[in-house]
């Protein structure tokens, strides 16, 4: 799925074009990211340059404050962030928010939170508990974090959305670097009303020593998710709010 297929001419996020939307299904969604985050450029024509510029600017800002930021750390962050952007685009991500920064000791701090849409195949259960049970079984068979406090699956409530699934885990990702990158993963599964579709918010950070804190941030982002029946935002709505920027 190309991300551009889910936006209208004004860039507003849509779930389904009008003639494919089942009766009772929402027309679009909104999601907000923290003010310190920005939207990740997924356009194959511009993303590599845009990502490098953002990370280099962050590193230069730290150097201007007298902090040493090793070249190899900057290159690794650029490489991993580009890989994340390519993978998000290939998966059909509707949007991706990202945090890219350096801590006071010059170590990198990064996270991403992307929105995916998937459809439950005909004949398979749409029961949320069944879906989360299957996901939990798979993760706990394969995850290097199985049996730890970071691997958890449960049902929770989101404001104005209702029951959703929440799954956290540790995973090893291959970013084509010298080694696998152990990553904390946080997923929220949101059933789309009157359809077999699911919205999946997938948030990750390689800063696994801060995983619990990041999970709190990811929960806060998920809590801003809203469905909307109207295809068009209110005329007086804040553009940042409607687009999740």
Protein backbone atom coordinates (compact mmCIF):
# COMPACT_ATOMS: atom_id res chain seq x y z
CA UNK A 1 0.00 0.00 0.00
CA UNK A 2 1.43 3.37 -0.97
CA UNK A 3 1.05 5.92 1.86
CA UNK A 4 -0.18 8.50 -0.64
CA UNK A 5 -3.25 6.36 -1.34
CA UNK A 6 -4.62 7.17 2.11
CA UNK A 7 -4.49 10.95 1.92
CA UNK A 8 -6.70 13.42 0.14
CA UNK A 9 -5.55 16.42 -1.86
CA UNK A 10 -4.90 18.39 1.30
CA UNK A 11 -2.81 15.66 2.90
CA UNK A 12 -5.49 14.68 5.42
CA UNK A 13 -5.30 11.08 6.61
CA UNK A 14 -8.14 8.83 5.42
CA UNK A 15 -8.90 5.22 6.25
CA UNK A 16 -10.76 4.31 3.07
CA UNK A 17 -11.84 6.28 0.03
CA UNK A 18 -15.56 7.08 0.15
CA UNK A 19 -16.80 4.41 -2.28
CA UNK A 20 -14.93 1.65 -0.38
CA UNK A 21 -15.89 2.63 3.17
CA UNK A 22 -18.45 0.31 4.82
CA UNK A 23 -21.51 1.99 6.41
CA UNK A 24 -20.66 3.06 9.92
CA UNK A 25 -16.89 2.95 9.43
CA UNK A 26 -14.96 6.15 10.23
CA UNK A 27 -13.59 8.29 7.42
CA UNK A 28 -10.24 9.23 8.91
CA UNK A 29 -8.09 9.32 12.02
CA UNK A 30 -5.86 11.78 13.84
CA UNK A 31 -2.84 11.18 16.04
CA UNK A 32 -0.63 13.63 17.90
CA UNK A 33 3.07 13.39 18.68
CA UNK A 34 4.99 15.26 21.41
CA UNK A 35 6.28 18.69 20.47
CA UNK A 36 9.87 17.42 20.57
CA UNK A 37 9.08 14.90 17.82
CA UNK A 38 8.80 15.48 14.08
CA UNK A 39 7.31 13.64 11.14
CA UNK A 40 9.67 11.26 9.38
CA UNK A 41 9.97 11.89 5.65
CA UNK A 42 8.95 8.67 3.85
CA UNK A 43 9.29 9.98 0.29
CA UNK A 44 11.98 7.84 -1.42
CA UNK A 45 13.11 10.89 -3.40
CA UNK A 46 13.84 13.13 -0.41
CA UNK A 47 14.06 11.06 2.79
CA UNK A 48 17.80 10.23 2.79
CA UNK A 49 18.87 13.85 2.41
CA UNK A 50 16.23 15.08 4.87
CA UNK A 51 17.19 12.53 7.53
CA UNK A 52 20.92 13.20 7.20
CA UNK A 53 20.31 16.96 7.51
CA UNK A 54 18.21 16.56 10.66
CA UNK A 55 20.72 14.32 12.42
CA UNK A 56 23.73 16.39 11.38
CA UNK A 57 21.98 19.51 12.72
CA UNK A 58 21.35 17.79 16.05
CA UNK A 59 25.01 16.76 16.28
CA UNK A 60 26.24 20.25 15.40
CA UNK A 61 23.96 21.72 18.07
CA UNK A 62 25.60 19.47 20.66
CA UNK A 63 29.09 20.34 19.42
CA UNK A 64 28.26 24.04 19.67
CA UNK A 65 27.58 23.42 23.38
CA UNK A 66 31.03 21.91 23.80
CA UNK A 67 29.93 18.27 23.69
CA UNK A 68 31.87 15.78 21.60
CA UNK A 69 29.67 13.76 19.22
CA UNK A 70 31.75 11.02 17.54
CA UNK A 71 31.42 10.75 13.77
CA UNK A 72 30.74 7.00 14.02
CA UNK A 73 27.74 7.61 16.31
CA UNK A 74 26.26 10.11 13.86
CA UNK A 75 26.78 7.75 10.91
CA UNK A 76 25.20 4.85 12.81
CA UNK A 77 22.15 6.94 13.71
CA UNK A 78 21.78 8.08 10.10
CA UNK A 79 22.06 4.50 8.83
CA UNK A 80 19.54 3.10 11.31
CA UNK A 81 17.05 5.93 10.81
CA UNK A 82 17.18 5.59 7.03
CA UNK A 83 16.60 1.86 7.36
CA UNK A 84 13.58 2.51 9.59
CA UNK A 85 12.16 4.98 7.07
CA UNK A 86 12.62 2.53 4.16
CA UNK A 87 10.97 -0.28 6.11
CA UNK A 88 8.07 1.94 7.18
CA UNK A 89 7.45 2.97 3.57
CA UNK A 90 7.64 -0.64 2.37
CA UNK A 91 5.06 -1.66 4.99
CA UNK A 92 2.68 1.05 3.81
CA UNK A 93 2.95 3.23 6.90
CA UNK A 94 0.39 6.02 6.88
CA UNK A 95 2.64 8.27 8.94
CA UNK A 96 5.71 8.06 11.17
CA UNK A 97 6.72 10.32 14.01
CA UNK A 98 10.33 10.31 15.17
CA UNK A 99 12.53 11.55 17.97
CA UNK A 100 16.21 12.09 17.17
CA UNK A 101 18.43 13.70 19.80
CA UNK A 102 21.65 13.39 21.76
CA UNK A 103 21.86 13.11 25.54
CA UNK A 104 24.20 15.26 27.66
CA UNK A 105 26.89 12.58 27.40
CA UNK A 106 26.53 12.73 23.56
CA UNK A 107 24.95 9.27 23.34
CA UNK A 108 22.12 9.08 20.78
CA UNK A 109 18.45 9.01 21.78
CA UNK A 110 15.96 7.87 19.16
CA UNK A 111 12.46 6.48 18.77
CA UNK A 112 9.81 6.09 16.07
CA UNK A 113 6.04 5.71 16.20
CA UNK A 114 4.32 4.68 12.97
CA UNK A 115 0.73 4.05 11.97
CA UNK A 116 -0.15 0.97 9.90
CA UNK A 117 -3.46 -0.34 8.62
CA UNK A 118 -4.09 -4.03 8.07
CA UNK A 119 -7.14 -6.17 7.33
CA UNK A 120 -8.13 -9.40 9.05
CA UNK A 121 -8.56 -12.07 6.34
CA UNK A 122 -12.05 -13.41 5.74
CA UNK A 123 -12.75 -16.49 7.84
CA UNK A 124 -10.39 -15.47 10.66
CA UNK A 125 -11.60 -14.29 14.06
CA UNK A 126 -12.00 -10.55 14.60
CA UNK A 127 -12.16 -10.98 18.38
CA UNK A 128 -9.54 -8.69 19.91
CA UNK A 129 -8.65 -11.16 22.68
CA UNK A 130 -8.02 -13.89 20.10
CA UNK A 131 -5.82 -11.57 18.05
CA UNK A 132 -3.74 -10.52 21.02
CA UNK A 133 -3.39 -14.08 22.30
CA UNK A 134 -2.02 -15.18 18.93
CA UNK A 135 0.35 -12.21 18.81
CA UNK A 136 1.54 -12.84 22.35
CA UNK A 137 2.23 -16.51 21.69
CA UNK A 138 4.29 -15.64 18.60
CA UNK A 139 6.31 -12.93 20.37
CA UNK A 140 7.08 -15.07 23.40
CA UNK A 141 8.35 -17.87 21.17
CA UNK A 142 10.75 -15.66 19.24
CA UNK A 143 11.53 -12.57 21.32
CA UNK A 144 14.90 -12.33 23.13
CA UNK A 145 12.94 -10.62 25.92
CA UNK A 146 10.59 -13.55 26.55
CA UNK A 147 9.88 -14.02 30.23
CA UNK A 148 10.97 -10.47 31.11
CA UNK A 149 8.89 -7.55 32.36
CA UNK A 150 9.26 -5.94 28.94
CA UNK A 151 7.27 -8.69 27.19
CA UNK A 152 3.62 -8.07 28.03
CA UNK A 153 0.26 -8.50 26.26
CA UNK A 154 -3.08 -7.19 27.48
CA UNK A 155 -6.31 -5.40 26.58
CA UNK A 156 -6.71 -1.77 27.66
CA UNK A 157 -9.07 1.15 27.06
CA UNK A 158 -8.26 4.23 24.99
CA UNK A 159 -10.24 7.47 25.48
CA UNK A 160 -13.01 7.85 22.87
CA UNK A 161 -11.79 4.70 21.11
CA UNK A 162 -12.62 1.79 23.43
CA UNK A 163 -10.90 -1.55 23.87
CA UNK A 164 -7.53 -1.97 22.16
CA UNK A 165 -4.72 -4.50 22.38
CA UNK A 166 -1.31 -3.55 23.80
CA UNK A 167 1.82 -5.66 23.30
CA UNK A 168 5.40 -4.86 24.30
CA UNK A 169 8.55 -6.85 23.62
CA UNK A 170 12.27 -6.84 22.95
CA UNK A 171 13.37 -7.69 19.41
CA UNK A 172 16.65 -7.92 17.49
CA UNK A 173 16.54 -5.95 14.23
CA UNK A 174 18.96 -6.20 11.33
CA UNK A 175 19.75 -2.71 10.01
CA UNK A 176 22.55 -4.05 7.77
CA UNK A 177 25.16 -2.75 10.19
CA UNK A 178 27.92 -4.63 12.00
CA UNK A 179 25.48 -6.24 14.47
CA UNK A 180 21.80 -6.76 15.25
CA UNK A 181 20.19 -3.86 17.10
CA UNK A 182 18.23 -4.87 20.20
CA UNK A 183 15.08 -2.78 20.22
CA UNK A 184 12.15 -2.20 22.55
CA UNK A 185 8.86 -2.56 20.64
CA UNK A 186 5.43 -1.24 21.69
CA UNK A 187 2.32 -2.07 19.64
CA UNK A 188 -1.27 -0.91 20.05
CA UNK A 189 -3.93 -2.70 17.97
CA UNK A 190 -7.08 -0.65 17.34
CA UNK A 191 -10.13 -2.25 15.65
CA UNK A 192 -11.73 0.01 13.05
CA UNK A 193 -15.52 0.14 13.72
CA UNK A 194 -17.81 -1.60 11.23
CA UNK A 195 -14.95 -3.20 9.31
CA UNK A 196 -12.36 -5.99 9.41
CA UNK A 197 -9.57 -3.40 9.47
CA UNK A 198 -7.11 -2.79 12.25
CA UNK A 199 -5.03 0.29 12.92
CA UNK A 200 -1.69 -0.73 14.43
CA UNK A 201 0.52 1.82 16.18
CA UNK A 202 4.06 0.42 16.18
CA UNK A 203 6.56 2.35 18.31
CA UNK A 204 10.21 1.43 18.80
CA UNK A 205 13.40 2.60 20.47
CA UNK A 206 16.92 1.13 20.51
CA UNK A 207 17.47 2.78 23.93
CA UNK A 208 16.37 -0.35 25.76
CA UNK A 209 17.76 0.86 29.10
CA UNK A 210 14.99 3.47 28.92
CA UNK A 211 12.32 1.13 27.55
CA UNK A 212 9.82 1.55 30.39
CA UNK A 213 10.00 5.35 30.14
CA UNK A 214 9.56 5.20 26.38
CA UNK A 215 6.60 2.83 26.77
CA UNK A 216 4.94 5.55 28.85
CA UNK A 217 5.57 8.05 26.05
CA UNK A 218 4.22 5.58 23.47
CA UNK A 219 1.10 5.05 25.61
CA UNK A 220 0.59 8.81 25.74
CA UNK A 221 0.87 9.05 21.94
CA UNK A 222 -1.63 6.20 21.50
CA UNK A 223 -4.05 7.97 23.87
CA UNK A 224 -4.34 10.86 21.36
CA UNK A 225 -5.66 8.55 18.61
CA UNK A 226 -9.16 9.48 17.42
CA UNK A 227 -11.51 8.25 14.69
CA UNK A 228 -13.56 10.83 12.77
CA UNK A 229 -16.76 10.33 10.79
CA UNK A 230 -16.26 13.43 8.65
CA UNK A 231 -13.79 13.23 5.77
CA UNK A 232 -12.89 16.89 6.27
CA UNK A 233 -11.52 18.49 9.44
CA UNK A 234 -13.43 21.44 10.98
CA UNK A 235 -12.60 24.73 9.27
CA UNK A 236 -11.34 26.23 12.53
CA UNK A 237 -9.36 23.16 13.62
CA UNK A 238 -5.68 23.50 14.36
CA UNK A 239 -3.83 21.96 11.41
CA UNK A 240 -1.23 20.39 13.67
CA UNK A 241 -3.88 18.63 15.72
CA UNK A 242 -5.74 17.28 12.71
CA UNK A 243 -2.63 15.97 11.02
CA UNK A 244 -1.01 14.72 14.20
CA UNK A 245 1.94 17.02 13.69
